[in-house]
């Protein structure tokens, strides 16, 4: 082997050693990065804005992978955690879901049942009534026969709201001036008799409205004040 060949072999060996050194350096950097970042775990990101007090379902969130060490301790990592929950505040699109953003849906008490009715979105709810609210339910009725005065009645007092649904467009009616165009399903926790009163009003009243009761307010209404007629107003 002449001197030129020897130099070639030496250069080839040096090239191989440099390549091995570079590869080892890359592996070291990767290992160091992995040791700093740590293993990845599942997290959930909000797809689109979720309104406060809205019941949660899995379709509202998308799964992503994130380093475990970057997640806060209250991050939701399993969507089973949202079962029976509602949003306690507005969930912004793109934000990570955390347990302090959600609360348990209000539960029924013994002897109560869930009853849902459609309420005029504009006049009956107006965005102020949320799960946990206490409301009085008003209904207006036409006179039973011609000449009888129309009446407004308080049919249920201190009804507890347990869910507020999404605004739903109603089919147009002939009497467009008097019929609401949008309604919201409101679910109440009611006794049997109050459930009958509410469903009767939804079916036969001209309009059903809700009045929000301030926390700590007196909720009982005397019988004499439960029915109103314009002619008797003094």
C-alpha atoms as a PDB file:
ATOM      1  CA  UNK A   1       0.000   0.000   0.000  1.00  0.00           C
ATOM      2  CA  UNK A   2       1.573   3.244  -1.067  1.00  0.00           C
ATOM      3  CA  UNK A   3       1.468   6.509   0.854  1.00  0.00           C
ATOM      4  CA  UNK A   4      -1.497   7.877  -1.124  1.00  0.00           C
ATOM      5  CA  UNK A   5      -3.593   4.802  -0.326  1.00  0.00           C
ATOM      6  CA  UNK A   6      -2.622   4.981   3.313  1.00  0.00           C
ATOM      7  CA  UNK A   7      -3.732   8.622   3.471  1.00  0.00           C
ATOM      8  CA  UNK A   8      -7.032   7.653   1.838  1.00  0.00           C
ATOM      9  CA  UNK A   9      -7.661   4.904   4.383  1.00  0.00           C
ATOM     10  CA  UNK A  10      -6.814   7.262   7.232  1.00  0.00           C
ATOM     11  CA  UNK A  11      -9.204   9.924   5.894  1.00  0.00           C
ATOM     12  CA  UNK A  12     -11.941   7.314   5.467  1.00  0.00           C
ATOM     13  CA  UNK A  13     -11.498   6.143   9.050  1.00  0.00           C
ATOM     14  CA  UNK A  14     -11.544   9.735  10.297  1.00  0.00           C
ATOM     15  CA  UNK A  15     -14.748  10.393   8.309  1.00  0.00           C
ATOM     16  CA  UNK A  16     -16.415   7.328   9.849  1.00  0.00           C
ATOM     17  CA  UNK A  17     -15.358   8.392  13.334  1.00  0.00           C
ATOM     18  CA  UNK A  18     -16.677  11.928  12.752  1.00  0.00           C
ATOM     19  CA  UNK A  19     -19.985  10.539  11.498  1.00  0.00           C
ATOM     20  CA  UNK A  20     -20.273   8.290  14.556  1.00  0.00           C
ATOM     21  CA  UNK A  21     -19.449  11.235  16.803  1.00  0.00           C
ATOM     22  CA  UNK A  22     -22.132  13.385  15.141  1.00  0.00           C
ATOM     23  CA  UNK A  23     -24.709  10.588  15.430  1.00  0.00           C
ATOM     24  CA  UNK A  24     -23.867  10.137  19.097  1.00  0.00           C
ATOM     25  CA  UNK A  25     -24.243  13.878  19.587  1.00  0.00           C
ATOM     26  CA  UNK A  26     -27.715  13.858  17.978  1.00  0.00           C
ATOM     27  CA  UNK A  27     -28.802  10.946  20.167  1.00  0.00           C
ATOM     28  CA  UNK A  28     -27.529  12.797  23.209  1.00  0.00           C
ATOM     29  CA  UNK A  29     -29.520  15.917  22.304  1.00  0.00           C
ATOM     30  CA  UNK A  30     -32.672  13.870  21.690  1.00  0.00           C
ATOM     31  CA  UNK A  31     -32.241  12.030  24.959  1.00  0.00           C
ATOM     32  CA  UNK A  32     -31.689  15.307  26.800  1.00  0.00           C
ATOM     33  CA  UNK A  33     -34.802  16.847  25.197  1.00  0.00           C
ATOM     34  CA  UNK A  34     -36.907  13.804  26.064  1.00  0.00           C
ATOM     35  CA  UNK A  35     -35.663  13.858  29.628  1.00  0.00           C
ATOM     36  CA  UNK A  36     -36.675  17.530  29.939  1.00  0.00           C
ATOM     37  CA  UNK A  37     -40.054  17.250  28.170  1.00  0.00           C
ATOM     38  CA  UNK A  38     -41.075  13.876  29.555  1.00  0.00           C
ATOM     39  CA  UNK A  39     -43.792  11.483  28.315  1.00  0.00           C
ATOM     40  CA  UNK A  40     -46.847  12.750  26.454  1.00  0.00           C
ATOM     41  CA  UNK A  41     -50.403  12.280  27.680  1.00  0.00           C
ATOM     42  CA  UNK A  42     -53.872  12.955  26.297  1.00  0.00           C
ATOM     43  CA  UNK A  43     -55.514  16.338  26.865  1.00  0.00           C
ATOM     44  CA  UNK A  44     -58.675  17.901  25.441  1.00  0.00           C
ATOM     45  CA  UNK A  45     -59.117  21.183  23.627  1.00  0.00           C
ATOM     46  CA  UNK A  46     -62.408  23.045  23.160  1.00  0.00           C
ATOM     47  CA  UNK A  47     -63.545  22.865  19.499  1.00  0.00           C
ATOM     48  CA  UNK A  48     -65.856  25.888  19.537  1.00  0.00           C
ATOM     49  CA  UNK A  49     -67.165  28.235  22.197  1.00  0.00           C
ATOM     50  CA  UNK A  50     -69.357  26.621  24.858  1.00  0.00           C
ATOM     51  CA  UNK A  51     -71.783  28.874  26.712  1.00  0.00           C
ATOM     52  CA  UNK A  52     -71.951  28.873  30.524  1.00  0.00           C
ATOM     53  CA  UNK A  53     -74.219  26.284  32.157  1.00  0.00           C
ATOM     54  CA  UNK A  54     -74.376  24.231  28.963  1.00  0.00           C
ATOM     55  CA  UNK A  55     -74.477  20.441  29.367  1.00  0.00           C
ATOM     56  CA  UNK A  56     -71.235  18.946  28.074  1.00  0.00           C
ATOM     57  CA  UNK A  57     -70.765  16.155  25.538  1.00  0.00           C
ATOM     58  CA  UNK A  58     -67.704  14.588  23.940  1.00  0.00           C
ATOM     59  CA  UNK A  59     -68.303  16.197  20.541  1.00  0.00           C
ATOM     60  CA  UNK A  60     -67.447  19.619  21.973  1.00  0.00           C
ATOM     61  CA  UNK A  61     -63.794  18.666  22.500  1.00  0.00           C
ATOM     62  CA  UNK A  62     -60.872  17.314  20.478  1.00  0.00           C
ATOM     63  CA  UNK A  63     -58.100  15.083  21.760  1.00  0.00           C
ATOM     64  CA  UNK A  64     -54.484  16.286  21.618  1.00  0.00           C
ATOM     65  CA  UNK A  65     -51.162  14.952  22.924  1.00  0.00           C
ATOM     66  CA  UNK A  66     -49.051  17.094  25.245  1.00  0.00           C
ATOM     67  CA  UNK A  67     -46.034  16.557  27.499  1.00  0.00           C
ATOM     68  CA  UNK A  68     -47.358  15.580  30.891  1.00  0.00           C
ATOM     69  CA  UNK A  69     -45.118  18.045  32.690  1.00  0.00           C
ATOM     70  CA  UNK A  70     -46.671  20.952  30.754  1.00  0.00           C
ATOM     71  CA  UNK A  71     -50.215  20.156  31.910  1.00  0.00           C
ATOM     72  CA  UNK A  72     -51.655  21.635  35.060  1.00  0.00           C
ATOM     73  CA  UNK A  73     -52.781  19.238  37.747  1.00  0.00           C
ATOM     74  CA  UNK A  74     -56.461  19.965  37.058  1.00  0.00           C
ATOM     75  CA  UNK A  75     -56.326  19.317  33.294  1.00  0.00           C
ATOM     76  CA  UNK A  76     -58.962  16.869  32.035  1.00  0.00           C
ATOM     77  CA  UNK A  77     -57.191  13.819  30.586  1.00  0.00           C
ATOM     78  CA  UNK A  78     -60.211  11.514  30.322  1.00  0.00           C
ATOM     79  CA  UNK A  79     -63.536  12.612  28.836  1.00  0.00           C
ATOM     80  CA  UNK A  80     -65.392  10.389  31.267  1.00  0.00           C
ATOM     81  CA  UNK A  81     -64.794  13.254  33.696  1.00  0.00           C
ATOM     82  CA  UNK A  82     -67.385  15.410  31.895  1.00  0.00           C
ATOM     83  CA  UNK A  83     -70.284  13.000  32.383  1.00  0.00           C
ATOM     84  CA  UNK A  84     -73.148  14.753  34.152  1.00  0.00           C
ATOM     85  CA  UNK A  85     -71.267  18.063  34.084  1.00  0.00           C
ATOM     86  CA  UNK A  86     -72.050  21.556  32.829  1.00  0.00           C
ATOM     87  CA  UNK A  87     -69.770  24.472  31.949  1.00  0.00           C
ATOM     88  CA  UNK A  88     -69.424  26.901  34.838  1.00  0.00           C
ATOM     89  CA  UNK A  89     -68.073  29.660  32.586  1.00  0.00           C
ATOM     90  CA  UNK A  90     -67.656  30.347  28.877  1.00  0.00           C
ATOM     91  CA  UNK A  91     -65.284  27.772  27.350  1.00  0.00           C
ATOM     92  CA  UNK A  92     -63.303  29.512  24.610  1.00  0.00           C
ATOM     93  CA  UNK A  93     -62.377  27.709  21.407  1.00  0.00           C
ATOM     94  CA  UNK A  94     -58.818  26.391  21.568  1.00  0.00           C
ATOM     95  CA  UNK A  95     -58.559  26.443  25.367  1.00  0.00           C
ATOM     96  CA  UNK A  96     -57.580  23.324  27.288  1.00  0.00           C
ATOM     97  CA  UNK A  97     -60.363  21.760  29.329  1.00  0.00           C
ATOM     98  CA  UNK A  98     -59.758  21.815  33.082  1.00  0.00           C
ATOM     99  CA  UNK A  99     -61.779  20.512  35.973  1.00  0.00           C
ATOM    100  CA  UNK A 100     -62.305  23.980  37.455  1.00  0.00           C
ATOM    101  CA  UNK A 101     -64.210  24.939  34.279  1.00  0.00           C
ATOM    102  CA  UNK A 102     -66.984  22.410  34.945  1.00  0.00           C
ATOM    103  CA  UNK A 103     -69.356  21.511  37.769  1.00  0.00           C
ATOM    104  CA  UNK A 104     -71.909  18.801  38.482  1.00  0.00           C
ATOM    105  CA  UNK A 105     -75.307  19.217  36.916  1.00  0.00           C
ATOM    106  CA  UNK A 106     -77.883  20.068  39.628  1.00  0.00           C
ATOM    107  CA  UNK A 107     -79.494  16.863  40.878  1.00  0.00           C
ATOM    108  CA  UNK A 108     -83.124  16.034  41.639  1.00  0.00           C
ATOM    109  CA  UNK A 109     -84.367  15.896  45.207  1.00  0.00           C
ATOM    110  CA  UNK A 110     -86.565  13.028  46.476  1.00  0.00           C
ATOM    111  CA  UNK A 111     -90.107  13.397  45.129  1.00  0.00           C
ATOM    112  CA  UNK A 112     -89.056  15.624  42.228  1.00  0.00           C
ATOM    113  CA  UNK A 113     -89.020  14.917  38.517  1.00  0.00           C
ATOM    114  CA  UNK A 114     -87.470  16.567  35.478  1.00  0.00           C
ATOM    115  CA  UNK A 115     -89.889  18.465  33.273  1.00  0.00           C
ATOM    116  CA  UNK A 116     -88.775  20.374  30.167  1.00  0.00           C
ATOM    117  CA  UNK A 117     -90.856  22.982  28.347  1.00  0.00           C
ATOM    118  CA  UNK A 118     -90.138  25.461  25.570  1.00  0.00           C
ATOM    119  CA  UNK A 119     -89.914  29.090  26.689  1.00  0.00           C
ATOM    120  CA  UNK A 120     -89.877  32.165  24.456  1.00  0.00           C
ATOM    121  CA  UNK A 121     -86.167  32.991  24.066  1.00  0.00           C
ATOM    122  CA  UNK A 122     -86.721  36.759  23.901  1.00  0.00           C
ATOM    123  CA  UNK A 123     -89.135  37.384  26.769  1.00  0.00           C
ATOM    124  CA  UNK A 124     -88.946  34.255  28.877  1.00  0.00           C
ATOM    125  CA  UNK A 125     -85.214  33.784  29.386  1.00  0.00           C
ATOM    126  CA  UNK A 126     -83.173  36.705  28.023  1.00  0.00           C
ATOM    127  CA  UNK A 127     -79.911  34.998  28.977  1.00  0.00           C
ATOM    128  CA  UNK A 128     -80.322  35.604  32.710  1.00  0.00           C
ATOM    129  CA  UNK A 129     -81.689  32.244  33.804  1.00  0.00           C
ATOM    130  CA  UNK A 130     -79.141  29.454  34.323  1.00  0.00           C
ATOM    131  CA  UNK A 131     -79.052  26.010  35.970  1.00  0.00           C
ATOM    132  CA  UNK A 132     -79.570  26.456  39.692  1.00  0.00           C
ATOM    133  CA  UNK A 133     -81.745  29.560  39.269  1.00  0.00           C
ATOM    134  CA  UNK A 134     -85.051  29.841  41.102  1.00  0.00           C
ATOM    135  CA  UNK A 135     -87.953  31.216  39.088  1.00  0.00           C
ATOM    136  CA  UNK A 136     -91.656  31.923  39.270  1.00  0.00           C
ATOM    137  CA  UNK A 137     -93.631  30.659  36.271  1.00  0.00           C
ATOM    138  CA  UNK A 138     -96.258  32.997  34.825  1.00  0.00           C
ATOM    139  CA  UNK A 139     -98.894  32.078  32.252  1.00  0.00           C
ATOM    140  CA  UNK A 140    -101.483  34.202  30.462  1.00  0.00           C
ATOM    141  CA  UNK A 141    -104.853  32.721  29.509  1.00  0.00           C
ATOM    142  CA  UNK A 142    -107.740  33.954  27.386  1.00  0.00           C
ATOM    143  CA  UNK A 143    -111.153  34.247  29.012  1.00  0.00           C
ATOM    144  CA  UNK A 144    -113.055  30.976  29.053  1.00  0.00           C
ATOM    145  CA  UNK A 145    -115.888  32.445  27.023  1.00  0.00           C
ATOM    146  CA  UNK A 146    -116.538  35.595  25.073  1.00  0.00           C
ATOM    147  CA  UNK A 147    -116.634  38.601  27.363  1.00  0.00           C
ATOM    148  CA  UNK A 148    -114.570  36.979  30.110  1.00  0.00           C
ATOM    149  CA  UNK A 149    -111.384  38.901  30.927  1.00  0.00           C
ATOM    150  CA  UNK A 150    -107.944  37.566  30.043  1.00  0.00           C
ATOM    151  CA  UNK A 151    -105.898  36.538  33.065  1.00  0.00           C
ATOM    152  CA  UNK A 152    -102.276  36.314  34.087  1.00  0.00           C
ATOM    153  CA  UNK A 153    -101.527  33.625  36.670  1.00  0.00           C
ATOM    154  CA  UNK A 154     -98.530  32.586  38.731  1.00  0.00           C
ATOM    155  CA  UNK A 155     -98.809  28.844  38.350  1.00  0.00           C
ATOM    156  CA  UNK A 156     -95.569  27.757  40.081  1.00  0.00           C
ATOM    157  CA  UNK A 157     -93.345  29.576  42.556  1.00  0.00           C
ATOM    158  CA  UNK A 158     -89.683  28.946  43.361  1.00  0.00           C
ATOM    159  CA  UNK A 159     -89.181  26.390  40.576  1.00  0.00           C
ATOM    160  CA  UNK A 160     -85.578  25.202  40.342  1.00  0.00           C
ATOM    161  CA  UNK A 161     -83.966  25.232  36.899  1.00  0.00           C
ATOM    162  CA  UNK A 162     -81.635  22.303  36.272  1.00  0.00           C
ATOM    163  CA  UNK A 163     -80.822  22.802  32.595  1.00  0.00           C
ATOM    164  CA  UNK A 164     -81.052  25.459  29.889  1.00  0.00           C
ATOM    165  CA  UNK A 165     -80.901  24.160  26.324  1.00  0.00           C
ATOM    166  CA  UNK A 166     -79.953  25.804  23.071  1.00  0.00           C
ATOM    167  CA  UNK A 167     -82.104  28.355  21.283  1.00  0.00           C
ATOM    168  CA  UNK A 168     -84.318  26.622  18.730  1.00  0.00           C
ATOM    169  CA  UNK A 169     -86.042  28.261  15.771  1.00  0.00           C
ATOM    170  CA  UNK A 170     -89.776  27.596  15.723  1.00  0.00           C
ATOM    171  CA  UNK A 171     -91.839  26.930  12.639  1.00  0.00           C
ATOM    172  CA  UNK A 172     -93.671  30.054  11.434  1.00  0.00           C
ATOM    173  CA  UNK A 173     -97.274  30.439  12.552  1.00  0.00           C
ATOM    174  CA  UNK A 174    -100.145  32.299  10.951  1.00  0.00           C
ATOM    175  CA  UNK A 175    -100.291  34.746  13.823  1.00  0.00           C
ATOM    176  CA  UNK A 176     -96.667  35.892  13.536  1.00  0.00           C
ATOM    177  CA  UNK A 177     -97.247  39.004  15.637  1.00  0.00           C
ATOM    178  CA  UNK A 178     -98.121  37.010  18.733  1.00  0.00           C
ATOM    179  CA  UNK A 179     -96.112  33.830  18.435  1.00  0.00           C
ATOM    180  CA  UNK A 180     -92.406  33.619  19.389  1.00  0.00           C
ATOM    181  CA  UNK A 181     -89.962  32.757  16.618  1.00  0.00           C
ATOM    182  CA  UNK A 182     -87.312  31.239  18.874  1.00  0.00           C
ATOM    183  CA  UNK A 183     -87.590  29.207  22.058  1.00  0.00           C
ATOM    184  CA  UNK A 184     -85.309  27.617  24.614  1.00  0.00           C
ATOM    185  CA  UNK A 185     -85.951  24.258  26.307  1.00  0.00           C
ATOM    186  CA  UNK A 186     -85.873  24.782  30.066  1.00  0.00           C
ATOM    187  CA  UNK A 187     -85.733  21.784  32.391  1.00  0.00           C
ATOM    188  CA  UNK A 188     -87.161  22.124  35.900  1.00  0.00           C
ATOM    189  CA  UNK A 189     -87.037  19.995  39.016  1.00  0.00           C
ATOM    190  CA  UNK A 190     -90.686  19.925  40.108  1.00  0.00           C
ATOM    191  CA  UNK A 191     -93.144  18.088  42.271  1.00  0.00           C
ATOM    192  CA  UNK A 192     -95.849  16.101  40.492  1.00  0.00           C
ATOM    193  CA  UNK A 193     -98.521  18.784  40.872  1.00  0.00           C
ATOM    194  CA  UNK A 194     -96.210  21.600  39.756  1.00  0.00           C
ATOM    195  CA  UNK A 195     -95.113  19.500  36.768  1.00  0.00           C
ATOM    196  CA  UNK A 196     -98.776  19.177  35.781  1.00  0.00           C
ATOM    197  CA  UNK A 197     -99.292  22.922  36.122  1.00  0.00           C
ATOM    198  CA  UNK A 198     -96.291  23.740  33.952  1.00  0.00           C
ATOM    199  CA  UNK A 199     -97.160  21.254  31.211  1.00  0.00           C
ATOM    200  CA  UNK A 200    -100.772  22.458  31.190  1.00  0.00           C
ATOM    201  CA  UNK A 201     -99.621  26.041  30.789  1.00  0.00           C
ATOM    202  CA  UNK A 202     -97.252  25.111  27.961  1.00  0.00           C
ATOM    203  CA  UNK A 203    -100.137  23.430  26.134  1.00  0.00           C
ATOM    204  CA  UNK A 204    -102.981  25.890  26.705  1.00  0.00           C
ATOM    205  CA  UNK A 205    -101.607  29.274  27.802  1.00  0.00           C
ATOM    206  CA  UNK A 206    -101.145  32.088  25.314  1.00  0.00           C
ATOM    207  CA  UNK A 207     -97.672  32.718  26.671  1.00  0.00           C
ATOM    208  CA  UNK A 208     -95.472  31.300  29.461  1.00  0.00           C
ATOM    209  CA  UNK A 209     -92.830  33.479  31.060  1.00  0.00           C
ATOM    210  CA  UNK A 210     -90.249  33.037  33.784  1.00  0.00           C
ATOM    211  CA  UNK A 211     -89.414  35.565  36.476  1.00  0.00           C
ATOM    212  CA  UNK A 212     -86.029  35.187  38.141  1.00  0.00           C
ATOM    213  CA  UNK A 213     -86.201  35.106  41.940  1.00  0.00           C
ATOM    214  CA  UNK A 214     -83.339  36.836  43.724  1.00  0.00           C
ATOM    215  CA  UNK A 215     -81.391  34.604  46.141  1.00  0.00           C
ATOM    216  CA  UNK A 216     -82.756  34.915  49.670  1.00  0.00           C
ATOM    217  CA  UNK A 217     -86.018  36.510  48.531  1.00  0.00           C
ATOM    218  CA  UNK A 218     -89.409  35.528  49.913  1.00  0.00           C
ATOM    219  CA  UNK A 219     -90.739  33.018  47.383  1.00  0.00           C
ATOM    220  CA  UNK A 220     -94.275  32.379  48.615  1.00  0.00           C
ATOM    221  CA  UNK A 221     -97.077  34.304  46.895  1.00  0.00           C
ATOM    222  CA  UNK A 222    -100.496  34.737  48.569  1.00  0.00           C
ATOM    223  CA  UNK A 223    -103.379  33.154  46.678  1.00  0.00           C
ATOM    224  CA  UNK A 224    -105.010  36.562  46.165  1.00  0.00           C
ATOM    225  CA  UNK A 225    -101.931  37.758  44.279  1.00  0.00           C
ATOM    226  CA  UNK A 226    -101.581  34.747  41.999  1.00  0.00           C
ATOM    227  CA  UNK A 227    -104.224  35.880  39.483  1.00  0.00           C
ATOM    228  CA  UNK A 228    -104.247  39.242  37.745  1.00  0.00           C
ATOM    229  CA  UNK A 229    -106.956  40.885  35.674  1.00  0.00           C
ATOM    230  CA  UNK A 230    -106.545  44.353  34.201  1.00  0.00           C
ATOM    231  CA  UNK A 231    -110.118  45.355  35.106  1.00  0.00           C
ATOM    232  CA  UNK A 232    -109.505  44.723  38.831  1.00  0.00           C
ATOM    233  CA  UNK A 233    -106.158  46.551  38.962  1.00  0.00           C
ATOM    234  CA  UNK A 234    -106.440  49.548  41.240  1.00  0.00           C
END
